[in-house]
């Protein structure tokens, strides 16, 4: 599973978002609440202008952890939706 997500991350960093998304979704099919897959999928959604989806994915990724970077990204995504009090 780690190799799958490393490949997804490589695709993401290379700008190959559809390939990265497909790999993240495969990882989530096997493990629906995997934070690193949710985080990367949220980043892809954010980069594609899907602000609501990004917020939902970052929230799902945060539930099992209290990752500071995820909290920051969630705040940015909420600001993009002009949901300032929540951000």
C-alpha atoms as a PDB file:
ATOM      1  CA  UNK A   1       0.000   0.000   0.000  1.00  0.00           C
ATOM      2  CA  UNK A   2       2.868   2.368   0.782  1.00  0.00           C
ATOM      3  CA  UNK A   3       4.322   1.812  -2.698  1.00  0.00           C
ATOM      4  CA  UNK A   4       0.965   2.608  -4.258  1.00  0.00           C
ATOM      5  CA  UNK A   5       0.761   5.907  -2.401  1.00  0.00           C
ATOM      6  CA  UNK A   6       4.397   6.756  -3.162  1.00  0.00           C
ATOM      7  CA  UNK A   7       3.589   6.316  -6.839  1.00  0.00           C
ATOM      8  CA  UNK A   8       0.476   8.459  -6.398  1.00  0.00           C
ATOM      9  CA  UNK A   9       2.591  11.156  -4.729  1.00  0.00           C
ATOM     10  CA  UNK A  10       5.089  11.005  -7.611  1.00  0.00           C
ATOM     11  CA  UNK A  11       2.268  11.437 -10.136  1.00  0.00           C
ATOM     12  CA  UNK A  12       0.867  14.326  -8.103  1.00  0.00           C
ATOM     13  CA  UNK A  13       4.209  16.122  -7.945  1.00  0.00           C
ATOM     14  CA  UNK A  14       4.661  15.547 -11.683  1.00  0.00           C
ATOM     15  CA  UNK A  15       1.302  17.166 -12.409  1.00  0.00           C
ATOM     16  CA  UNK A  16      -0.310  13.893 -13.433  1.00  0.00           C
ATOM     17  CA  UNK A  17      -3.394  14.452 -11.310  1.00  0.00           C
ATOM     18  CA  UNK A  18      -5.753  11.885 -12.913  1.00  0.00           C
ATOM     19  CA  UNK A  19      -3.184   9.116 -12.382  1.00  0.00           C
ATOM     20  CA  UNK A  20      -2.561  10.224  -8.801  1.00  0.00           C
ATOM     21  CA  UNK A  21      -6.291  10.366  -8.103  1.00  0.00           C
ATOM     22  CA  UNK A  22      -6.864   6.873  -9.498  1.00  0.00           C
ATOM     23  CA  UNK A  23      -4.140   5.431  -7.256  1.00  0.00           C
ATOM     24  CA  UNK A  24      -5.508   7.236  -4.193  1.00  0.00           C
ATOM     25  CA  UNK A  25      -8.961   5.847  -4.896  1.00  0.00           C
ATOM     26  CA  UNK A  26      -7.500   2.331  -5.203  1.00  0.00           C
ATOM     27  CA  UNK A  27      -5.837   2.782  -1.821  1.00  0.00           C
ATOM     28  CA  UNK A  28      -9.096   4.014  -0.320  1.00  0.00           C
ATOM     29  CA  UNK A  29     -10.985   1.038  -1.768  1.00  0.00           C
ATOM     30  CA  UNK A  30      -8.714  -1.178   0.311  1.00  0.00           C
ATOM     31  CA  UNK A  31      -8.585   1.093   3.370  1.00  0.00           C
ATOM     32  CA  UNK A  32     -11.369   3.739   3.322  1.00  0.00           C
ATOM     33  CA  UNK A  33     -10.031   5.922   6.140  1.00  0.00           C
ATOM     34  CA  UNK A  34      -6.341   5.928   5.284  1.00  0.00           C
ATOM     35  CA  UNK A  35      -5.227   9.481   6.211  1.00  0.00           C
ATOM     36  CA  UNK A  36      -2.350   9.804   3.719  1.00  0.00           C
ATOM     37  CA  UNK A  37      -4.564   8.779   0.785  1.00  0.00           C
ATOM     38  CA  UNK A  38      -7.323  11.151   1.937  1.00  0.00           C
ATOM     39  CA  UNK A  39      -4.784  13.956   2.343  1.00  0.00           C
ATOM     40  CA  UNK A  40      -3.385  13.484  -1.160  1.00  0.00           C
ATOM     41  CA  UNK A  41      -6.852  13.180  -2.676  1.00  0.00           C
ATOM     42  CA  UNK A  42      -7.840  16.371  -0.843  1.00  0.00           C
ATOM     43  CA  UNK A  43      -4.802  18.136  -2.262  1.00  0.00           C
ATOM     44  CA  UNK A  44      -5.749  16.983  -5.755  1.00  0.00           C
ATOM     45  CA  UNK A  45      -9.318  18.213  -5.270  1.00  0.00           C
ATOM     46  CA  UNK A  46      -8.016  21.575  -4.011  1.00  0.00           C
ATOM     47  CA  UNK A  47      -5.681  21.930  -6.991  1.00  0.00           C
ATOM     48  CA  UNK A  48      -8.570  21.150  -9.357  1.00  0.00           C
ATOM     49  CA  UNK A  49     -10.729  23.871  -7.790  1.00  0.00           C
ATOM     50  CA  UNK A  50     -13.035  21.403  -6.033  1.00  0.00           C
ATOM     51  CA  UNK A  51     -13.048  23.318  -2.768  1.00  0.00           C
ATOM     52  CA  UNK A  52     -15.938  21.535  -1.085  1.00  0.00           C
ATOM     53  CA  UNK A  53     -14.512  18.108  -1.893  1.00  0.00           C
ATOM     54  CA  UNK A  54     -11.102  19.230  -0.585  1.00  0.00           C
ATOM     55  CA  UNK A  55     -12.609  20.325   2.739  1.00  0.00           C
ATOM     56  CA  UNK A  56     -14.509  17.048   3.106  1.00  0.00           C
ATOM     57  CA  UNK A  57     -11.429  14.970   2.332  1.00  0.00           C
ATOM     58  CA  UNK A  58      -9.191  16.952   4.695  1.00  0.00           C
ATOM     59  CA  UNK A  59     -11.807  16.561   7.440  1.00  0.00           C
ATOM     60  CA  UNK A  60     -11.905  12.800   6.870  1.00  0.00           C
ATOM     61  CA  UNK A  61      -8.103  12.675   6.951  1.00  0.00           C
ATOM     62  CA  UNK A  62      -7.978  14.618  10.208  1.00  0.00           C
ATOM     63  CA  UNK A  63     -10.379  12.415  12.154  1.00  0.00           C
ATOM     64  CA  UNK A  64      -7.878   9.683  12.988  1.00  0.00           C
ATOM     65  CA  UNK A  65      -5.042  12.128  13.730  1.00  0.00           C
ATOM     66  CA  UNK A  66      -4.280  15.659  14.755  1.00  0.00           C
ATOM     67  CA  UNK A  67      -1.770  16.441  12.040  1.00  0.00           C
ATOM     68  CA  UNK A  68      -0.782  20.116  11.996  1.00  0.00           C
ATOM     69  CA  UNK A  69      -0.208  20.247   8.243  1.00  0.00           C
ATOM     70  CA  UNK A  70      -3.639  18.761   7.586  1.00  0.00           C
ATOM     71  CA  UNK A  71      -5.193  21.329   9.905  1.00  0.00           C
ATOM     72  CA  UNK A  72      -3.426  24.083   7.972  1.00  0.00           C
ATOM     73  CA  UNK A  73      -4.606  22.735   4.608  1.00  0.00           C
ATOM     74  CA  UNK A  74      -8.139  22.402   5.920  1.00  0.00           C
ATOM     75  CA  UNK A  75      -8.021  26.037   7.023  1.00  0.00           C
ATOM     76  CA  UNK A  76      -6.859  27.099   3.562  1.00  0.00           C
ATOM     77  CA  UNK A  77      -9.606  25.088   1.885  1.00  0.00           C
ATOM     78  CA  UNK A  78     -12.230  26.609   4.207  1.00  0.00           C
ATOM     79  CA  UNK A  79     -10.936  30.091   3.420  1.00  0.00           C
ATOM     80  CA  UNK A  80     -11.330  29.288  -0.268  1.00  0.00           C
ATOM     81  CA  UNK A  81     -15.013  28.668   0.470  1.00  0.00           C
ATOM     82  CA  UNK A  82     -15.123  31.918   2.463  1.00  0.00           C
ATOM     83  CA  UNK A  83     -15.984  29.956   5.621  1.00  0.00           C
ATOM     84  CA  UNK A  84     -13.722  32.170   7.708  1.00  0.00           C
ATOM     85  CA  UNK A  85     -15.019  31.350  11.210  1.00  0.00           C
ATOM     86  CA  UNK A  86     -14.407  27.640  10.619  1.00  0.00           C
ATOM     87  CA  UNK A  87     -10.996  28.291   9.085  1.00  0.00           C
END
